[in-house]
């Protein structure tokens, strides 16, 4: 068994002895007061988004869109990736579609809205995760992962069209789930930088390499997680795990569309 370390106490969100050091439209830099596990007072410089409303659990959502034809359930499941230039990285990144949650909007509603705008596809929410950290050493930014089922037989998905802002430049890739890791590696060779969570998912689905000391060797199932809020659904995770395990193929990624991309800010 793993012995857990004591959890330090933290000053409530948004309050600090030194206050806000700098605030811009989308971000603020602040200093957090907290006590470490030994009770020593400490300070931590951190970045926060200015867009999260009081009481909200997450800033935004990441969207795992699973594409299949209901009329041909034996066919492999595909997923959607997006490529866009990220100025802080100075590079094109490869990510899951993502967006900030609007005031009064649920994570599921935000995911369906953004999936349509960013990729042109429509779907239905299958399940939603709990609060997921993005870069916890730097920021309290958190997202929920929303799994969306996309029926390729639906007339709305036969000719998907993006609805992007003038400043957005995005490219959409349809990728077989089982080909995720080799696809990311191929895109890396082209100069793209994969998003951490996406690459972690790819390695988990691919299985641990032989000789690594980690058991594996095939597509791994996804663990279930705490629903976001008391009313969130737990259903869909088991089916998702089964679909990711049993379906997929080695087909190379197919670029489905190109155009402006959504900056989750």
C-alpha atoms as a PDB file:
ATOM      1  CA  UNK A   1       0.000   0.000   0.000  1.00  0.00           C
ATOM      2  CA  UNK A   2       1.076   3.572  -0.725  1.00  0.00           C
ATOM      3  CA  UNK A   3       1.407   5.825   2.327  1.00  0.00           C
ATOM      4  CA  UNK A   4      -0.143   9.211   1.643  1.00  0.00           C
ATOM      5  CA  UNK A   5       1.574  12.401   2.789  1.00  0.00           C
ATOM      6  CA  UNK A   6      -0.364  14.952   4.857  1.00  0.00           C
ATOM      7  CA  UNK A   7      -2.383  17.349   2.721  1.00  0.00           C
ATOM      8  CA  UNK A   8      -1.396  21.018   3.291  1.00  0.00           C
ATOM      9  CA  UNK A   9      -4.002  23.658   3.948  1.00  0.00           C
ATOM     10  CA  UNK A  10      -4.412  26.355   1.326  1.00  0.00           C
ATOM     11  CA  UNK A  11      -5.804  29.868   1.437  1.00  0.00           C
ATOM     12  CA  UNK A  12      -9.152  29.917  -0.457  1.00  0.00           C
ATOM     13  CA  UNK A  13      -9.042  30.537  -4.216  1.00  0.00           C
ATOM     14  CA  UNK A  14      -8.374  34.136  -5.238  1.00  0.00           C
ATOM     15  CA  UNK A  15      -7.029  35.338  -1.825  1.00  0.00           C
ATOM     16  CA  UNK A  16      -3.384  35.958  -1.074  1.00  0.00           C
ATOM     17  CA  UNK A  17      -1.309  37.979   1.357  1.00  0.00           C
ATOM     18  CA  UNK A  18       0.453  39.698  -1.547  1.00  0.00           C
ATOM     19  CA  UNK A  19      -2.651  39.865  -3.746  1.00  0.00           C
ATOM     20  CA  UNK A  20      -2.752  39.997  -7.503  1.00  0.00           C
ATOM     21  CA  UNK A  21       0.575  40.926  -9.041  1.00  0.00           C
ATOM     22  CA  UNK A  22      -0.679  41.498 -12.572  1.00  0.00           C
ATOM     23  CA  UNK A  23      -3.993  41.052 -14.367  1.00  0.00           C
ATOM     24  CA  UNK A  24      -4.741  40.895 -18.082  1.00  0.00           C
ATOM     25  CA  UNK A  25      -7.911  40.176 -20.001  1.00  0.00           C
ATOM     26  CA  UNK A  26      -7.581  36.394 -19.860  1.00  0.00           C
ATOM     27  CA  UNK A  27      -4.998  35.741 -17.129  1.00  0.00           C
ATOM     28  CA  UNK A  28      -3.831  37.024 -13.774  1.00  0.00           C
ATOM     29  CA  UNK A  29      -0.656  36.346 -11.840  1.00  0.00           C
ATOM     30  CA  UNK A  30      -1.101  36.012  -8.097  1.00  0.00           C
ATOM     31  CA  UNK A  31       0.739  34.730  -5.038  1.00  0.00           C
ATOM     32  CA  UNK A  32      -0.879  32.040  -2.934  1.00  0.00           C
ATOM     33  CA  UNK A  33      -0.287  31.626   0.808  1.00  0.00           C
ATOM     34  CA  UNK A  34      -0.376  28.076   2.126  1.00  0.00           C
ATOM     35  CA  UNK A  35       1.085  25.769   4.767  1.00  0.00           C
ATOM     36  CA  UNK A  36       3.247  22.816   3.816  1.00  0.00           C
ATOM     37  CA  UNK A  37       2.977  19.339   5.358  1.00  0.00           C
ATOM     38  CA  UNK A  38       5.142  20.435   8.320  1.00  0.00           C
ATOM     39  CA  UNK A  39       3.027  23.486   9.026  1.00  0.00           C
ATOM     40  CA  UNK A  40       5.518  25.957   7.594  1.00  0.00           C
ATOM     41  CA  UNK A  41       3.981  29.023   5.896  1.00  0.00           C
ATOM     42  CA  UNK A  42       4.927  29.243   2.233  1.00  0.00           C
ATOM     43  CA  UNK A  43       4.059  31.238  -0.873  1.00  0.00           C
ATOM     44  CA  UNK A  44       3.476  30.050  -4.445  1.00  0.00           C
ATOM     45  CA  UNK A  45       3.329  32.204  -7.554  1.00  0.00           C
ATOM     46  CA  UNK A  46       0.580  30.998  -9.847  1.00  0.00           C
ATOM     47  CA  UNK A  47      -1.398  31.905 -12.942  1.00  0.00           C
ATOM     48  CA  UNK A  48      -5.186  31.863 -13.054  1.00  0.00           C
ATOM     49  CA  UNK A  49      -7.752  32.294 -15.774  1.00  0.00           C
ATOM     50  CA  UNK A  50      -9.992  35.307 -15.270  1.00  0.00           C
ATOM     51  CA  UNK A  51     -12.934  33.577 -16.941  1.00  0.00           C
ATOM     52  CA  UNK A  52     -13.874  30.954 -14.345  1.00  0.00           C
ATOM     53  CA  UNK A  53     -17.014  32.025 -12.506  1.00  0.00           C
ATOM     54  CA  UNK A  54     -17.391  31.708  -8.738  1.00  0.00           C
ATOM     55  CA  UNK A  55     -18.475  28.189  -7.808  1.00  0.00           C
ATOM     56  CA  UNK A  56     -17.531  26.625 -11.164  1.00  0.00           C
ATOM     57  CA  UNK A  57     -15.509  23.422 -10.905  1.00  0.00           C
ATOM     58  CA  UNK A  58     -13.749  23.676 -14.271  1.00  0.00           C
ATOM     59  CA  UNK A  59     -12.519  26.325 -16.674  1.00  0.00           C
ATOM     60  CA  UNK A  60     -13.210  24.342 -19.819  1.00  0.00           C
ATOM     61  CA  UNK A  61     -13.703  20.964 -21.441  1.00  0.00           C
ATOM     62  CA  UNK A  62     -11.649  18.640 -23.591  1.00  0.00           C
ATOM     63  CA  UNK A  63     -13.651  16.541 -26.032  1.00  0.00           C
ATOM     64  CA  UNK A  64     -12.993  12.894 -26.837  1.00  0.00           C
ATOM     65  CA  UNK A  65     -15.186  12.408 -29.908  1.00  0.00           C
ATOM     66  CA  UNK A  66     -15.644   8.758 -30.913  1.00  0.00           C
ATOM     67  CA  UNK A  67     -16.835   8.292 -34.500  1.00  0.00           C
ATOM     68  CA  UNK A  68     -18.568   5.175 -35.779  1.00  0.00           C
ATOM     69  CA  UNK A  69     -21.271   4.043 -38.153  1.00  0.00           C
ATOM     70  CA  UNK A  70     -24.186   2.592 -36.235  1.00  0.00           C
ATOM     71  CA  UNK A  71     -25.184   0.678 -39.365  1.00  0.00           C
ATOM     72  CA  UNK A  72     -21.768  -1.037 -39.366  1.00  0.00           C
ATOM     73  CA  UNK A  73     -20.795  -1.624 -35.710  1.00  0.00           C
ATOM     74  CA  UNK A  74     -18.006  -3.981 -36.761  1.00  0.00           C
ATOM     75  CA  UNK A  75     -16.028  -1.120 -38.281  1.00  0.00           C
ATOM     76  CA  UNK A  76     -13.229   0.507 -36.326  1.00  0.00           C
ATOM     77  CA  UNK A  77     -13.861   3.480 -34.092  1.00  0.00           C
ATOM     78  CA  UNK A  78     -12.186   6.761 -35.025  1.00  0.00           C
ATOM     79  CA  UNK A  79     -11.503   9.890 -32.994  1.00  0.00           C
ATOM     80  CA  UNK A  80     -11.032  13.569 -33.809  1.00  0.00           C
ATOM     81  CA  UNK A  81      -7.820  15.524 -33.277  1.00  0.00           C
ATOM     82  CA  UNK A  82      -7.177  19.189 -33.995  1.00  0.00           C
ATOM     83  CA  UNK A  83      -4.008  20.948 -35.077  1.00  0.00           C
ATOM     84  CA  UNK A  84      -3.426  24.640 -34.488  1.00  0.00           C
ATOM     85  CA  UNK A  85      -0.600  27.081 -33.911  1.00  0.00           C
ATOM     86  CA  UNK A  86      -0.139  27.932 -30.240  1.00  0.00           C
ATOM     87  CA  UNK A  87       1.833  31.184 -29.815  1.00  0.00           C
ATOM     88  CA  UNK A  88       3.178  30.361 -26.300  1.00  0.00           C
ATOM     89  CA  UNK A  89       4.701  27.145 -27.688  1.00  0.00           C
ATOM     90  CA  UNK A  90       5.818  28.735 -30.936  1.00  0.00           C
ATOM     91  CA  UNK A  91       4.651  25.570 -32.674  1.00  0.00           C
ATOM     92  CA  UNK A  92       1.664  23.728 -34.087  1.00  0.00           C
ATOM     93  CA  UNK A  93       0.161  21.460 -31.455  1.00  0.00           C
ATOM     94  CA  UNK A  94      -1.956  18.342 -31.825  1.00  0.00           C
ATOM     95  CA  UNK A  95      -4.777  18.179 -29.277  1.00  0.00           C
ATOM     96  CA  UNK A  96      -8.297  17.095 -28.515  1.00  0.00           C
ATOM     97  CA  UNK A  97     -10.908  19.744 -29.327  1.00  0.00           C
ATOM     98  CA  UNK A  98     -11.313  22.018 -26.283  1.00  0.00           C
ATOM     99  CA  UNK A  99     -13.097  25.160 -25.189  1.00  0.00           C
ATOM    100  CA  UNK A 100     -13.906  27.285 -22.149  1.00  0.00           C
ATOM    101  CA  UNK A 101     -17.298  26.760 -20.528  1.00  0.00           C
ATOM    102  CA  UNK A 102     -19.584  29.776 -20.844  1.00  0.00           C
ATOM    103  CA  UNK A 103     -21.367  31.177 -17.753  1.00  0.00           C
ATOM    104  CA  UNK A 104     -24.396  29.023 -16.939  1.00  0.00           C
ATOM    105  CA  UNK A 105     -23.338  26.352 -19.437  1.00  0.00           C
ATOM    106  CA  UNK A 106     -22.826  22.700 -18.516  1.00  0.00           C
ATOM    107  CA  UNK A 107     -19.647  20.867 -19.588  1.00  0.00           C
ATOM    108  CA  UNK A 108     -21.726  18.627 -21.834  1.00  0.00           C
ATOM    109  CA  UNK A 109     -23.383  21.561 -23.575  1.00  0.00           C
ATOM    110  CA  UNK A 110     -20.025  23.297 -24.041  1.00  0.00           C
ATOM    111  CA  UNK A 111     -18.545  20.133 -25.552  1.00  0.00           C
ATOM    112  CA  UNK A 112     -21.351  19.660 -28.069  1.00  0.00           C
ATOM    113  CA  UNK A 113     -21.274  23.348 -29.007  1.00  0.00           C
ATOM    114  CA  UNK A 114     -17.532  23.405 -29.555  1.00  0.00           C
ATOM    115  CA  UNK A 115     -17.411  20.088 -31.392  1.00  0.00           C
ATOM    116  CA  UNK A 116     -19.855  21.454 -33.953  1.00  0.00           C
ATOM    117  CA  UNK A 117     -18.070  24.809 -34.320  1.00  0.00           C
ATOM    118  CA  UNK A 118     -14.522  23.462 -34.361  1.00  0.00           C
ATOM    119  CA  UNK A 119     -14.920  20.241 -36.363  1.00  0.00           C
ATOM    120  CA  UNK A 120     -18.362  20.402 -37.977  1.00  0.00           C
ATOM    121  CA  UNK A 121     -19.515  17.164 -36.345  1.00  0.00           C
ATOM    122  CA  UNK A 122     -22.549  16.707 -34.109  1.00  0.00           C
ATOM    123  CA  UNK A 123     -22.981  14.053 -31.459  1.00  0.00           C
ATOM    124  CA  UNK A 124     -24.353  13.157 -28.061  1.00  0.00           C
ATOM    125  CA  UNK A 125     -22.623  13.234 -24.694  1.00  0.00           C
ATOM    126  CA  UNK A 126     -21.843   9.743 -23.372  1.00  0.00           C
ATOM    127  CA  UNK A 127     -20.060  10.603 -20.118  1.00  0.00           C
ATOM    128  CA  UNK A 128     -18.129  13.348 -18.375  1.00  0.00           C
ATOM    129  CA  UNK A 129     -15.138  13.157 -16.047  1.00  0.00           C
ATOM    130  CA  UNK A 130     -14.506  14.961 -12.823  1.00  0.00           C
ATOM    131  CA  UNK A 131     -12.115  17.881 -12.417  1.00  0.00           C
ATOM    132  CA  UNK A 132      -8.801  17.298 -14.235  1.00  0.00           C
ATOM    133  CA  UNK A 133      -5.655  19.357 -13.606  1.00  0.00           C
ATOM    134  CA  UNK A 134      -3.839  20.876 -16.580  1.00  0.00           C
ATOM    135  CA  UNK A 135      -0.483  22.132 -15.240  1.00  0.00           C
ATOM    136  CA  UNK A 136      -0.840  22.051 -11.434  1.00  0.00           C
ATOM    137  CA  UNK A 137       2.629  23.422 -10.711  1.00  0.00           C
ATOM    138  CA  UNK A 138       1.797  26.595 -12.607  1.00  0.00           C
ATOM    139  CA  UNK A 139      -1.967  27.131 -12.578  1.00  0.00           C
ATOM    140  CA  UNK A 140      -5.271  26.034 -11.041  1.00  0.00           C
ATOM    141  CA  UNK A 141      -6.766  25.663 -14.523  1.00  0.00           C
ATOM    142  CA  UNK A 142      -8.970  22.572 -14.633  1.00  0.00           C
ATOM    143  CA  UNK A 143     -11.029  20.874 -17.319  1.00  0.00           C
ATOM    144  CA  UNK A 144     -13.540  18.071 -17.637  1.00  0.00           C
ATOM    145  CA  UNK A 145     -13.160  15.384 -20.288  1.00  0.00           C
ATOM    146  CA  UNK A 146     -16.430  14.889 -22.151  1.00  0.00           C
ATOM    147  CA  UNK A 147     -16.807  11.749 -24.263  1.00  0.00           C
ATOM    148  CA  UNK A 148     -19.049  12.381 -27.260  1.00  0.00           C
ATOM    149  CA  UNK A 149     -20.530   9.704 -29.512  1.00  0.00           C
ATOM    150  CA  UNK A 150     -20.647  10.741 -33.191  1.00  0.00           C
ATOM    151  CA  UNK A 151     -22.860   8.760 -35.576  1.00  0.00           C
ATOM    152  CA  UNK A 152     -21.298   8.908 -39.038  1.00  0.00           C
ATOM    153  CA  UNK A 153     -24.565   7.668 -40.558  1.00  0.00           C
ATOM    154  CA  UNK A 154     -26.352  10.821 -39.399  1.00  0.00           C
ATOM    155  CA  UNK A 155     -27.085  13.227 -42.299  1.00  0.00           C
ATOM    156  CA  UNK A 156     -25.650  16.042 -40.167  1.00  0.00           C
ATOM    157  CA  UNK A 157     -22.229  14.347 -40.206  1.00  0.00           C
ATOM    158  CA  UNK A 158     -21.917  13.428 -43.864  1.00  0.00           C
ATOM    159  CA  UNK A 159     -20.382  16.752 -44.917  1.00  0.00           C
ATOM    160  CA  UNK A 160     -19.097  18.385 -41.713  1.00  0.00           C
ATOM    161  CA  UNK A 161     -18.393  22.115 -41.947  1.00  0.00           C
ATOM    162  CA  UNK A 162     -16.537  24.173 -39.388  1.00  0.00           C
ATOM    163  CA  UNK A 163     -17.939  27.463 -38.065  1.00  0.00           C
ATOM    164  CA  UNK A 164     -14.828  29.296 -36.906  1.00  0.00           C
ATOM    165  CA  UNK A 165     -13.972  32.838 -35.954  1.00  0.00           C
ATOM    166  CA  UNK A 166     -11.884  34.987 -38.275  1.00  0.00           C
ATOM    167  CA  UNK A 167      -8.837  34.611 -36.007  1.00  0.00           C
ATOM    168  CA  UNK A 168      -8.997  30.828 -35.793  1.00  0.00           C
ATOM    169  CA  UNK A 169      -6.944  28.432 -37.893  1.00  0.00           C
ATOM    170  CA  UNK A 170      -7.539  24.761 -37.234  1.00  0.00           C
ATOM    171  CA  UNK A 171      -7.055  21.501 -39.045  1.00  0.00           C
ATOM    172  CA  UNK A 172      -9.090  18.418 -38.142  1.00  0.00           C
ATOM    173  CA  UNK A 173      -7.789  14.852 -38.286  1.00  0.00           C
ATOM    174  CA  UNK A 174      -9.876  11.702 -38.182  1.00  0.00           C
ATOM    175  CA  UNK A 175      -7.723   8.993 -36.635  1.00  0.00           C
ATOM    176  CA  UNK A 176      -8.486   5.334 -35.869  1.00  0.00           C
ATOM    177  CA  UNK A 177      -8.291   4.907 -32.098  1.00  0.00           C
ATOM    178  CA  UNK A 178      -5.771   2.079 -32.344  1.00  0.00           C
ATOM    179  CA  UNK A 179      -3.572   4.174 -34.640  1.00  0.00           C
ATOM    180  CA  UNK A 180      -3.383   7.113 -32.233  1.00  0.00           C
ATOM    181  CA  UNK A 181       0.197   6.598 -31.044  1.00  0.00           C
ATOM    182  CA  UNK A 182       1.798   6.036 -34.471  1.00  0.00           C
ATOM    183  CA  UNK A 183      -0.211   8.992 -35.794  1.00  0.00           C
ATOM    184  CA  UNK A 184       1.127  11.268 -33.056  1.00  0.00           C
ATOM    185  CA  UNK A 185       4.666  10.102 -33.698  1.00  0.00           C
ATOM    186  CA  UNK A 186       4.263  10.800 -37.399  1.00  0.00           C
ATOM    187  CA  UNK A 187       2.958  14.286 -36.651  1.00  0.00           C
ATOM    188  CA  UNK A 188       5.871  14.859 -34.265  1.00  0.00           C
ATOM    189  CA  UNK A 189       8.241  14.152 -37.125  1.00  0.00           C
ATOM    190  CA  UNK A 190       6.405  16.875 -39.052  1.00  0.00           C
ATOM    191  CA  UNK A 191       7.127  19.345 -36.232  1.00  0.00           C
ATOM    192  CA  UNK A 192       3.857  19.146 -34.271  1.00  0.00           C
ATOM    193  CA  UNK A 193       3.894  19.099 -30.455  1.00  0.00           C
ATOM    194  CA  UNK A 194       1.364  16.685 -28.894  1.00  0.00           C
ATOM    195  CA  UNK A 195      -0.715  17.701 -25.897  1.00  0.00           C
ATOM    196  CA  UNK A 196       0.371  15.809 -22.754  1.00  0.00           C
ATOM    197  CA  UNK A 197      -2.965  14.183 -21.992  1.00  0.00           C
ATOM    198  CA  UNK A 198      -3.441  13.064 -25.570  1.00  0.00           C
ATOM    199  CA  UNK A 199      -0.008  11.448 -25.717  1.00  0.00           C
ATOM    200  CA  UNK A 200      -0.642   9.756 -22.365  1.00  0.00           C
ATOM    201  CA  UNK A 201      -3.902   8.339 -23.725  1.00  0.00           C
ATOM    202  CA  UNK A 202      -2.099   7.070 -26.812  1.00  0.00           C
ATOM    203  CA  UNK A 203       0.585   5.295 -24.784  1.00  0.00           C
ATOM    204  CA  UNK A 204      -2.062   3.747 -22.538  1.00  0.00           C
ATOM    205  CA  UNK A 205      -4.087   2.469 -25.499  1.00  0.00           C
ATOM    206  CA  UNK A 206      -0.981   1.145 -27.217  1.00  0.00           C
ATOM    207  CA  UNK A 207       0.265  -0.691 -24.128  1.00  0.00           C
ATOM    208  CA  UNK A 208       3.588  -0.602 -22.335  1.00  0.00           C
ATOM    209  CA  UNK A 209       6.659  -1.507 -24.404  1.00  0.00           C
ATOM    210  CA  UNK A 210       8.293  -4.871 -23.779  1.00  0.00           C
ATOM    211  CA  UNK A 211      11.103  -4.719 -21.244  1.00  0.00           C
ATOM    212  CA  UNK A 212       9.748  -1.594 -19.570  1.00  0.00           C
ATOM    213  CA  UNK A 213       8.817  -3.445 -16.390  1.00  0.00           C
ATOM    214  CA  UNK A 214       5.206  -2.362 -16.822  1.00  0.00           C
ATOM    215  CA  UNK A 215       2.608  -4.946 -17.723  1.00  0.00           C
ATOM    216  CA  UNK A 216       0.717  -4.274 -20.918  1.00  0.00           C
ATOM    217  CA  UNK A 217       1.096  -4.911 -24.600  1.00  0.00           C
ATOM    218  CA  UNK A 218      -2.287  -4.110 -26.050  1.00  0.00           C
ATOM    219  CA  UNK A 219      -4.972  -1.454 -26.057  1.00  0.00           C
ATOM    220  CA  UNK A 220      -5.658  -0.514 -22.453  1.00  0.00           C
ATOM    221  CA  UNK A 221      -9.074   0.216 -20.995  1.00  0.00           C
ATOM    222  CA  UNK A 222      -9.808   3.692 -19.683  1.00  0.00           C
ATOM    223  CA  UNK A 223     -10.393   3.985 -15.941  1.00  0.00           C
ATOM    224  CA  UNK A 224     -13.689   5.407 -14.812  1.00  0.00           C
ATOM    225  CA  UNK A 225     -13.621   8.657 -12.845  1.00  0.00           C
ATOM    226  CA  UNK A 226     -15.725  10.708 -10.442  1.00  0.00           C
ATOM    227  CA  UNK A 227     -18.638  12.436 -12.144  1.00  0.00           C
ATOM    228  CA  UNK A 228     -18.471  16.232 -12.225  1.00  0.00           C
ATOM    229  CA  UNK A 229     -21.008  17.451  -9.683  1.00  0.00           C
ATOM    230  CA  UNK A 230     -23.685  15.419  -7.962  1.00  0.00           C
ATOM    231  CA  UNK A 231     -25.936  15.213 -11.030  1.00  0.00           C
ATOM    232  CA  UNK A 232     -23.333  14.010 -13.561  1.00  0.00           C
ATOM    233  CA  UNK A 233     -23.802  10.650 -15.215  1.00  0.00           C
ATOM    234  CA  UNK A 234     -21.641   7.641 -14.410  1.00  0.00           C
ATOM    235  CA  UNK A 235     -22.965   5.678 -17.387  1.00  0.00           C
ATOM    236  CA  UNK A 236     -20.990   5.261 -20.584  1.00  0.00           C
ATOM    237  CA  UNK A 237     -17.509   4.617 -19.147  1.00  0.00           C
ATOM    238  CA  UNK A 238     -17.765   0.815 -19.299  1.00  0.00           C
ATOM    239  CA  UNK A 239     -19.026   0.925 -22.878  1.00  0.00           C
ATOM    240  CA  UNK A 240     -16.257   3.365 -23.792  1.00  0.00           C
ATOM    241  CA  UNK A 241     -13.628   1.030 -22.371  1.00  0.00           C
ATOM    242  CA  UNK A 242     -15.048  -1.876 -24.337  1.00  0.00           C
ATOM    243  CA  UNK A 243     -15.199   0.096 -27.582  1.00  0.00           C
ATOM    244  CA  UNK A 244     -11.644   1.337 -27.251  1.00  0.00           C
ATOM    245  CA  UNK A 245     -10.417  -2.167 -26.453  1.00  0.00           C
ATOM    246  CA  UNK A 246     -12.272  -4.129 -29.115  1.00  0.00           C
ATOM    247  CA  UNK A 247     -12.300  -1.790 -32.098  1.00  0.00           C
ATOM    248  CA  UNK A 248      -9.853   0.204 -34.096  1.00  0.00           C
ATOM    249  CA  UNK A 249      -7.310  -0.378 -36.808  1.00  0.00           C
ATOM    250  CA  UNK A 250      -4.012   0.652 -38.259  1.00  0.00           C
ATOM    251  CA  UNK A 251      -5.212   3.034 -40.923  1.00  0.00           C
ATOM    252  CA  UNK A 252      -3.287   6.282 -41.215  1.00  0.00           C
ATOM    253  CA  UNK A 253      -4.881   9.540 -40.172  1.00  0.00           C
ATOM    254  CA  UNK A 254      -7.059  11.218 -42.733  1.00  0.00           C
ATOM    255  CA  UNK A 255      -7.125  15.015 -42.799  1.00  0.00           C
ATOM    256  CA  UNK A 256     -10.817  15.800 -42.862  1.00  0.00           C
ATOM    257  CA  UNK A 257     -10.855  19.579 -42.920  1.00  0.00           C
ATOM    258  CA  UNK A 258      -8.742  22.690 -42.645  1.00  0.00           C
ATOM    259  CA  UNK A 259      -9.269  26.233 -41.505  1.00  0.00           C
ATOM    260  CA  UNK A 260      -9.158  28.567 -38.537  1.00  0.00           C
ATOM    261  CA  UNK A 261      -8.740  27.032 -35.096  1.00  0.00           C
ATOM    262  CA  UNK A 262     -10.261  27.640 -31.686  1.00  0.00           C
ATOM    263  CA  UNK A 263      -8.021  28.986 -28.995  1.00  0.00           C
ATOM    264  CA  UNK A 264      -9.436  27.822 -25.650  1.00  0.00           C
ATOM    265  CA  UNK A 265      -9.239  31.204 -24.002  1.00  0.00           C
END
